[in-house]
Amino acid sequence: MSLVKFKKELRTYVNPQKRDFLPTFFKTEKGEYGEGDKFLGVVVPDTKRIANKYKSILTIKNIEDLVYSKWHEERFAGWYLVSIHYKKDPKYYYNFTLKHISQLNNWDLVDMIAPKVIGEYNVESSGKIFLQWSKSSSLWIRRISIMSTWPKIRNDNHKITMKIATTFLKDEEDLIHKATGWMLREVAKRDEELVIRFISDNKSQMPRTMLRYAIERMDTKVRKKLLKL
């Protein structure tokens, strides 16, 4: 009954303009990365607000039902609840995430869960699982691999991030280039010289998007110099 009420309330926030816009934004046409994804037209702040209202009411079975929904906003709500419940029982929610990892099937879902759940749980680990995932045929699993290194970066442990970044120099997906450049930018906040050396060593094969994301917060003169390498 609580899940029915949640879904009904979520639909009261449908925005017709967003319903038309979101499928285009998330590339849902045939052959695109979000092919077949369906949107109600509810914006993220409203989805989070309603999920927070029901967070103490919805059961883990309800959450599982949400992450398997055909509607993107319901999947987002389910994963958002996983992210906010995670600290109560890290092992349980980490294992839940691994069990249902196939449902992290768009970049916003990956970017919410990979750092906050998968990355946090593995922050003291070797990160071997991230390296394994970086070789996956799945775009989303590969993106999970690099985004999950963020907590390690915050702990000044950049080794796994740099290894995966090297692997992704030859990746063909723009969403991987963006995520990798983003994490390189986070590394650069802590060790700019490390990232500058990486760029200098790999400039000839580094995707332009990855490069631009990586140098975004650097000094203007440094950025211009790296772009000219």
Protein backbone atom coordinates (compact mmCIF):
# COMPACT_ATOMS: atom_id res chain seq x y z
CA MET A 1 0.00 0.00 0.00
CA SER A 2 2.84 2.42 0.86
CA LEU A 3 4.47 1.79 -2.52
CA VAL A 4 1.18 2.50 -4.29
CA LYS A 5 0.85 5.77 -2.37
CA PHE A 6 4.44 6.70 -3.20
CA LYS A 7 3.94 6.12 -6.91
CA LYS A 8 0.67 8.03 -6.89
CA GLU A 9 2.23 11.02 -5.12
CA LEU A 10 5.24 10.97 -7.45
CA ARG A 11 2.91 11.37 -10.40
CA THR A 12 1.38 14.51 -8.94
CA TYR A 13 4.72 16.21 -9.71
CA VAL A 14 4.76 15.35 -13.40
CA ASN A 15 5.86 18.29 -15.55
CA PRO A 16 4.68 17.86 -19.17
CA GLN A 17 7.60 19.92 -20.50
CA LYS A 18 10.09 17.74 -18.66
CA ARG A 19 8.27 14.62 -19.86
CA ASP A 20 9.01 15.71 -23.41
CA PHE A 21 12.55 16.94 -22.71
CA LEU A 22 14.05 14.18 -20.53
CA PRO A 23 13.94 11.35 -23.12
CA THR A 24 16.00 13.55 -25.44
CA PHE A 25 18.41 14.62 -22.68
CA PHE A 26 19.01 11.01 -21.64
CA LYS A 27 19.39 9.77 -25.24
CA THR A 28 16.57 7.21 -25.36
CA GLU A 29 16.27 6.77 -29.13
CA LYS A 30 17.20 3.52 -30.87
CA GLY A 31 20.97 2.99 -30.81
CA GLU A 32 21.57 5.64 -28.13
CA TYR A 33 22.93 4.85 -24.67
CA GLY A 34 19.54 5.21 -22.94
CA GLU A 35 17.56 3.36 -25.58
CA GLY A 36 14.07 2.50 -24.37
CA ASP A 37 14.23 4.34 -21.04
CA LYS A 38 10.91 5.89 -20.05
CA PHE A 39 10.31 9.13 -18.14
CA LEU A 40 7.31 10.38 -16.20
CA GLY A 41 8.57 13.95 -16.28
CA VAL A 42 9.44 14.51 -12.60
CA VAL A 43 12.55 16.55 -11.78
CA VAL A 44 15.21 15.23 -9.40
CA PRO A 45 14.51 17.59 -6.44
CA ASP A 46 10.85 16.53 -6.40
CA THR A 47 11.76 12.83 -6.71
CA LYS A 48 14.15 13.14 -3.77
CA ARG A 49 11.64 15.10 -1.70
CA ILE A 50 8.98 12.42 -2.04
CA ALA A 51 11.48 9.60 -1.49
CA ASN A 52 12.61 11.25 1.75
CA LYS A 53 8.99 11.48 2.86
CA TYR A 54 8.58 7.71 2.41
CA LYS A 55 12.08 6.58 3.41
CA SER A 56 10.96 5.15 6.76
CA ILE A 57 7.85 3.55 5.29
CA LEU A 58 8.99 1.75 2.16
CA THR A 59 10.39 -1.75 2.73
CA ILE A 60 13.47 -3.22 1.08
CA LYS A 61 11.09 -5.17 -1.17
CA ASN A 62 9.48 -1.87 -2.17
CA ILE A 63 12.91 -0.45 -2.94
CA GLU A 64 13.75 -3.49 -5.05
CA ASP A 65 10.51 -3.04 -6.96
CA LEU A 66 11.45 0.59 -7.62
CA VAL A 67 14.92 -0.15 -8.97
CA TYR A 68 13.32 -2.56 -11.47
CA SER A 69 10.68 -0.06 -12.59
CA LYS A 70 10.40 0.81 -16.27
CA TRP A 71 10.10 4.46 -15.20
CA HIS A 72 13.39 6.24 -14.74
CA GLU A 73 12.23 8.44 -11.87
CA GLU A 74 11.06 5.41 -9.89
CA ARG A 75 14.41 3.69 -10.42
CA PHE A 76 16.13 6.89 -9.34
CA ALA A 77 14.00 7.01 -6.19
CA GLY A 78 14.84 3.39 -5.36
CA TRP A 79 18.57 3.93 -5.76
CA TYR A 80 18.37 7.21 -3.89
CA LEU A 81 16.85 5.35 -0.94
CA VAL A 82 19.69 2.82 -1.13
CA SER A 83 22.18 5.68 -0.96
CA ILE A 84 20.59 7.26 2.12
CA HIS A 85 20.07 3.93 3.94
CA TYR A 86 23.62 2.72 3.15
CA LYS A 87 25.30 4.02 6.31
CA LYS A 88 22.82 2.18 8.51
CA ASP A 89 24.04 -1.17 7.18
CA PRO A 90 26.89 -0.79 4.65
CA LYS A 91 27.42 -4.48 4.00
CA TYR A 92 23.75 -5.17 3.35
CA TYR A 93 23.22 -2.28 0.96
CA TYR A 94 26.52 -2.89 -0.80
CA ASN A 95 25.51 -6.50 -1.46
CA PHE A 96 22.05 -5.33 -2.51
CA THR A 97 23.72 -3.01 -5.02
CA LEU A 98 25.93 -5.76 -6.44
CA LYS A 99 22.95 -8.08 -6.75
CA HIS A 100 20.97 -5.50 -8.71
CA ILE A 101 23.86 -3.72 -10.42
CA SER A 102 22.29 -4.23 -13.86
CA GLN A 103 19.67 -1.66 -12.80
CA LEU A 104 22.28 1.06 -12.58
CA ASN A 105 21.51 1.62 -16.22
CA ASN A 106 21.92 5.31 -16.84
CA TRP A 107 24.63 7.78 -15.92
CA ASP A 108 22.71 9.64 -13.20
CA LEU A 109 22.04 6.38 -11.36
CA VAL A 110 25.68 5.31 -11.70
CA ASP A 111 26.98 8.68 -10.53
CA MET A 112 24.78 8.60 -7.43
CA ILE A 113 25.53 5.04 -6.30
CA ALA A 114 29.07 4.29 -7.50
CA PRO A 115 30.83 6.79 -5.20
CA LYS A 116 28.39 6.79 -2.27
CA VAL A 117 27.90 3.03 -1.93
CA ILE A 118 30.32 0.98 -4.03
CA GLY A 119 33.24 3.36 -3.65
CA GLU A 120 32.73 4.00 0.05
CA TYR A 121 32.47 0.30 0.81
CA ASN A 122 35.72 -0.39 -1.06
CA VAL A 123 37.62 2.71 0.03
CA GLU A 124 40.18 0.67 1.99
CA SER A 125 40.30 -2.24 -0.46
CA SER A 126 42.85 -2.81 -3.21
CA GLY A 127 40.31 -1.72 -5.82
CA LYS A 128 40.90 -4.88 -7.84
CA ILE A 129 37.18 -5.18 -8.57
CA PHE A 130 37.23 -1.73 -10.19
CA LEU A 131 40.00 -2.83 -12.54
CA GLN A 132 37.98 -5.91 -13.47
CA TRP A 133 34.91 -3.79 -14.16
CA SER A 134 36.92 -1.39 -16.32
CA LYS A 135 37.26 -4.19 -18.88
CA SER A 136 33.51 -4.91 -19.00
CA SER A 137 31.59 -4.79 -22.27
CA SER A 138 28.88 -2.82 -20.42
CA LEU A 139 29.13 0.96 -20.67
CA TRP A 140 27.52 1.33 -17.26
CA ILE A 141 29.80 -1.15 -15.49
CA ARG A 142 32.82 0.64 -16.97
CA ARG A 143 31.49 3.98 -15.77
CA ILE A 144 30.88 2.45 -12.33
CA SER A 145 34.52 1.36 -12.26
CA ILE A 146 35.93 4.87 -12.61
CA MET A 147 33.26 6.69 -10.58
CA SER A 148 33.74 4.27 -7.69
CA THR A 149 37.32 5.48 -7.26
CA TRP A 150 36.19 8.91 -6.04
CA PRO A 151 36.33 8.05 -2.29
CA LYS A 152 39.87 6.73 -2.81
CA ILE A 153 40.79 10.02 -4.49
CA ARG A 154 39.46 11.92 -1.48
CA ASN A 155 41.77 9.75 0.65
CA ASP A 156 44.71 10.75 -1.60
CA ASN A 157 44.88 7.26 -3.09
CA HIS A 158 45.08 7.84 -6.84
CA LYS A 159 46.66 4.62 -8.06
CA ILE A 160 43.52 2.80 -9.22
CA THR A 161 42.05 5.93 -10.81
CA MET A 162 45.18 6.45 -12.89
CA LYS A 163 45.29 2.79 -13.95
CA ILE A 164 41.68 2.88 -15.10
CA ALA A 165 42.23 6.22 -16.83
CA THR A 166 45.02 4.61 -18.84
CA THR A 167 42.68 1.79 -19.85
CA PHE A 168 39.99 4.27 -20.89
CA LEU A 169 42.27 6.25 -23.22
CA LYS A 170 41.12 3.85 -25.92
CA ASP A 171 37.48 3.60 -24.85
CA GLU A 172 35.05 4.64 -27.59
CA GLU A 173 32.26 5.98 -25.38
CA ASP A 174 31.97 9.70 -24.68
CA LEU A 175 30.29 9.00 -21.32
CA ILE A 176 33.45 7.14 -20.28
CA HIS A 177 35.65 10.02 -21.45
CA LYS A 178 33.56 12.47 -19.40
CA ALA A 179 33.61 10.37 -16.24
CA THR A 180 37.34 9.71 -16.53
CA GLY A 181 38.13 13.37 -17.12
CA TRP A 182 35.97 14.24 -14.12
CA MET A 183 37.90 11.89 -11.85
CA LEU A 184 41.23 13.15 -13.23
CA ARG A 185 40.04 16.66 -12.36
CA GLU A 186 39.40 15.46 -8.79
CA VAL A 187 42.90 13.97 -8.67
CA ALA A 188 44.32 17.26 -10.00
CA LYS A 189 42.79 19.14 -7.06
CA ARG A 190 45.10 17.13 -4.84
CA ASP A 191 48.05 16.32 -7.11
CA GLU A 192 48.02 18.51 -10.18
CA GLU A 193 51.51 17.47 -11.29
CA LEU A 194 50.43 13.82 -11.46
CA VAL A 195 47.63 14.67 -13.86
CA ILE A 196 49.82 16.99 -15.92
CA ARG A 197 52.36 14.18 -16.36
CA PHE A 198 49.57 11.78 -17.33
CA ILE A 199 48.31 14.22 -19.96
CA SER A 200 51.81 14.90 -21.29
CA ASP A 201 52.56 11.18 -21.57
CA ASN A 202 49.26 10.36 -23.27
CA LYS A 203 48.26 13.52 -25.14
CA SER A 204 48.42 11.89 -28.59
CA GLN A 205 45.77 9.31 -27.69
CA MET A 206 43.79 11.16 -25.02
CA PRO A 207 40.17 11.83 -26.07
CA ARG A 208 39.49 15.57 -26.30
CA THR A 209 36.51 15.39 -23.95
CA MET A 210 38.57 13.59 -21.30
CA LEU A 211 41.31 16.20 -21.60
CA ARG A 212 38.96 19.17 -21.31
CA TYR A 213 37.23 17.74 -18.26
CA ALA A 214 40.57 16.93 -16.60
CA ILE A 215 42.04 20.43 -16.97
CA GLU A 216 38.84 22.39 -16.33
CA ARG A 217 39.90 23.74 -12.90
CA MET A 218 43.56 24.34 -13.70
CA ASP A 219 45.12 27.77 -14.15
CA THR A 220 44.35 29.34 -17.55
CA LYS A 221 47.99 29.35 -18.65
CA VAL A 222 48.40 25.70 -17.72
CA ARG A 223 45.23 24.75 -19.59
CA LYS A 224 46.34 26.54 -22.73
CA LYS A 225 49.76 24.89 -22.57
CA LEU A 226 48.26 21.40 -22.19
CA LEU A 227 45.81 21.97 -25.03
CA LYS A 228 48.74 22.85 -27.30
CA LEU A 229 50.84 19.76 -26.48
